[in-house]
Amino acid sequence: METWYYEVVSIDGDYANLKRTDIESEDLKLVARALLPAEIVEGSQLKYEFMQYSLVQ
């Protein structure tokens, strides 16, 4: 299973815009906040693995 890393670029209501940080990409991914850890803020670093997002400390 692959692992991807993201940064929370912005939060807009029930959605967050994520940007991949493990590859060069300017694309943003719109993700429902219900799928993300509740404690995220703009600038949070996330890991996506096994179909789950988790905060990177």
N, C-alpha and C. Protein backbone atom coordinates (compact mmCIF):
# COMPACT_ATOMS: atom_id res chain seq x y z
N MET A 1 0.84 -1.17 0.00
CA MET A 1 0.00 0.00 0.00
C MET A 1 0.89 1.24 0.00
N GLU A 2 0.53 2.22 -0.79
CA GLU A 2 1.32 3.44 -0.88
C GLU A 2 0.95 4.41 0.24
N THR A 3 1.88 5.31 0.51
CA THR A 3 1.68 6.37 1.49
C THR A 3 1.89 7.70 0.80
N TRP A 4 0.96 8.64 1.01
CA TRP A 4 1.07 9.98 0.44
C TRP A 4 1.04 11.00 1.55
N TYR A 5 1.72 12.13 1.32
CA TYR A 5 1.77 13.21 2.31
C TYR A 5 1.16 14.47 1.74
N TYR A 6 0.41 15.17 2.58
CA TYR A 6 -0.31 16.37 2.17
C TYR A 6 -0.11 17.48 3.18
N GLU A 7 -0.35 18.72 2.73
CA GLU A 7 -0.44 19.88 3.61
C GLU A 7 -1.82 20.47 3.44
N VAL A 8 -2.44 20.88 4.55
CA VAL A 8 -3.73 21.54 4.48
C VAL A 8 -3.48 22.98 4.05
N VAL A 9 -3.92 23.32 2.83
CA VAL A 9 -3.70 24.65 2.28
C VAL A 9 -4.77 25.62 2.76
N SER A 10 -6.02 25.17 2.76
CA SER A 10 -7.11 26.02 3.22
C SER A 10 -8.28 25.16 3.69
N ILE A 11 -9.09 25.77 4.54
CA ILE A 11 -10.29 25.10 5.05
C ILE A 11 -11.46 26.00 4.70
N ASP A 12 -12.47 25.41 4.03
CA ASP A 12 -13.63 26.17 3.60
C ASP A 12 -14.88 25.41 4.01
N GLY A 13 -15.39 25.74 5.19
CA GLY A 13 -16.60 25.07 5.67
C GLY A 13 -16.36 23.60 5.94
N ASP A 14 -17.09 22.75 5.25
CA ASP A 14 -17.00 21.31 5.45
C ASP A 14 -15.94 20.64 4.59
N TYR A 15 -15.11 21.42 3.91
CA TYR A 15 -14.09 20.88 3.01
C TYR A 15 -12.73 21.49 3.29
N ALA A 16 -11.69 20.77 2.92
CA ALA A 16 -10.33 21.28 3.04
C ALA A 16 -9.61 21.02 1.71
N ASN A 17 -8.76 21.96 1.33
CA ASN A 17 -7.92 21.81 0.15
C ASN A 17 -6.56 21.29 0.59
N LEU A 18 -6.16 20.16 0.02
CA LEU A 18 -4.89 19.53 0.36
C LEU A 18 -3.95 19.58 -0.83
N LYS A 19 -2.66 19.77 -0.53
CA LYS A 19 -1.62 19.78 -1.57
C LYS A 19 -0.62 18.70 -1.24
N ARG A 20 -0.28 17.87 -2.24
CA ARG A 20 0.71 16.82 -2.04
C ARG A 20 2.06 17.44 -1.75
N THR A 21 2.78 16.89 -0.81
CA THR A 21 4.11 17.39 -0.47
C THR A 21 5.20 16.38 -0.77
N ASP A 22 4.83 15.15 -1.08
CA ASP A 22 5.84 14.13 -1.36
C ASP A 22 6.23 14.08 -2.83
N ILE A 23 5.52 14.83 -3.68
CA ILE A 23 5.87 14.96 -5.09
C ILE A 23 5.69 16.42 -5.50
N GLU A 24 6.26 16.79 -6.62
CA GLU A 24 6.07 18.14 -7.16
C GLU A 24 4.70 18.19 -7.84
N SER A 25 3.80 18.97 -7.27
CA SER A 25 2.47 19.11 -7.85
C SER A 25 1.84 20.39 -7.33
N GLU A 26 1.21 21.12 -8.22
CA GLU A 26 0.47 22.33 -7.84
C GLU A 26 -1.02 22.05 -7.69
N ASP A 27 -1.44 20.83 -8.00
CA ASP A 27 -2.85 20.46 -7.92
C ASP A 27 -3.31 20.40 -6.47
N LEU A 28 -4.54 20.82 -6.23
CA LEU A 28 -5.15 20.72 -4.91
C LEU A 28 -6.22 19.65 -4.94
N LYS A 29 -6.36 18.97 -3.82
CA LYS A 29 -7.37 17.92 -3.68
C LYS A 29 -8.40 18.40 -2.66
N LEU A 30 -9.65 18.44 -3.05
CA LEU A 30 -10.73 18.85 -2.17
C LEU A 30 -11.24 17.62 -1.42
N VAL A 31 -11.18 17.68 -0.08
CA VAL A 31 -11.54 16.53 0.75
C VAL A 31 -12.54 16.98 1.81
N ALA A 32 -13.57 16.19 2.03
CA ALA A 32 -14.55 16.47 3.08
C ALA A 32 -13.87 16.40 4.44
N ARG A 33 -14.15 17.37 5.29
CA ARG A 33 -13.51 17.41 6.62
C ARG A 33 -13.89 16.21 7.46
N ALA A 34 -15.03 15.59 7.17
CA ALA A 34 -15.44 14.40 7.92
C ALA A 34 -14.43 13.26 7.75
N LEU A 35 -13.64 13.29 6.68
CA LEU A 35 -12.63 12.25 6.43
C LEU A 35 -11.28 12.58 7.03
N LEU A 36 -11.14 13.79 7.58
CA LEU A 36 -9.86 14.27 8.10
C LEU A 36 -9.90 14.32 9.62
N PRO A 37 -8.71 14.31 10.27
CA PRO A 37 -8.69 14.47 11.73
C PRO A 37 -9.36 15.78 12.14
N ALA A 38 -10.10 15.77 13.21
CA ALA A 38 -10.87 16.94 13.65
C ALA A 38 -9.99 18.13 14.02
N GLU A 39 -8.76 17.89 14.44
CA GLU A 39 -7.91 18.96 14.94
C GLU A 39 -7.06 19.65 13.86
N ILE A 40 -7.34 19.41 12.58
CA ILE A 40 -6.54 20.05 11.54
C ILE A 40 -6.75 21.57 11.52
N VAL A 41 -5.70 22.27 11.11
CA VAL A 41 -5.74 23.71 10.85
C VAL A 41 -4.95 23.93 9.57
N GLU A 42 -5.05 25.13 9.00
CA GLU A 42 -4.26 25.42 7.82
C GLU A 42 -2.79 25.25 8.15
N GLY A 43 -2.08 24.56 7.29
CA GLY A 43 -0.67 24.28 7.51
C GLY A 43 -0.39 22.92 8.13
N SER A 44 -1.43 22.22 8.59
CA SER A 44 -1.24 20.88 9.15
C SER A 44 -0.67 19.94 8.10
N GLN A 45 0.19 19.05 8.56
CA GLN A 45 0.77 18.02 7.69
C GLN A 45 0.02 16.72 7.93
N LEU A 46 -0.39 16.08 6.83
CA LEU A 46 -1.16 14.85 6.91
C LEU A 46 -0.48 13.71 6.17
N LYS A 47 -0.73 12.52 6.64
CA LYS A 47 -0.29 11.30 5.95
C LYS A 47 -1.54 10.53 5.55
N TYR A 48 -1.58 10.07 4.30
CA TYR A 48 -2.70 9.25 3.81
C TYR A 48 -2.16 7.85 3.57
N GLU A 49 -2.71 6.89 4.33
CA GLU A 49 -2.25 5.52 4.26
C GLU A 49 -3.39 4.61 4.65
N PHE A 50 -3.57 3.52 3.93
CA PHE A 50 -4.64 2.56 4.20
C PHE A 50 -6.01 3.25 4.22
N MET A 51 -6.22 4.17 3.28
CA MET A 51 -7.47 4.88 3.09
C MET A 51 -7.87 5.73 4.30
N GLN A 52 -6.87 6.22 5.07
CA GLN A 52 -7.12 7.06 6.24
C GLN A 52 -6.10 8.19 6.27
N TYR A 53 -6.57 9.36 6.73
CA TYR A 53 -5.70 10.51 6.94
C TYR A 53 -5.33 10.58 8.41
N SER A 54 -4.06 10.90 8.68
CA SER A 54 -3.62 11.10 10.06
C SER A 54 -2.66 12.28 10.10
N LEU A 55 -2.61 12.95 11.25
CA LEU A 55 -1.70 14.07 11.44
C LEU A 55 -0.27 13.56 11.55
N VAL A 56 0.65 14.32 10.94
CA VAL A 56 2.08 14.01 11.08
C VAL A 56 2.62 14.95 12.14
N GLN A 57 3.25 14.43 13.14
CA GLN A 57 3.79 15.26 14.24
C GLN A 57 5.15 15.78 13.91
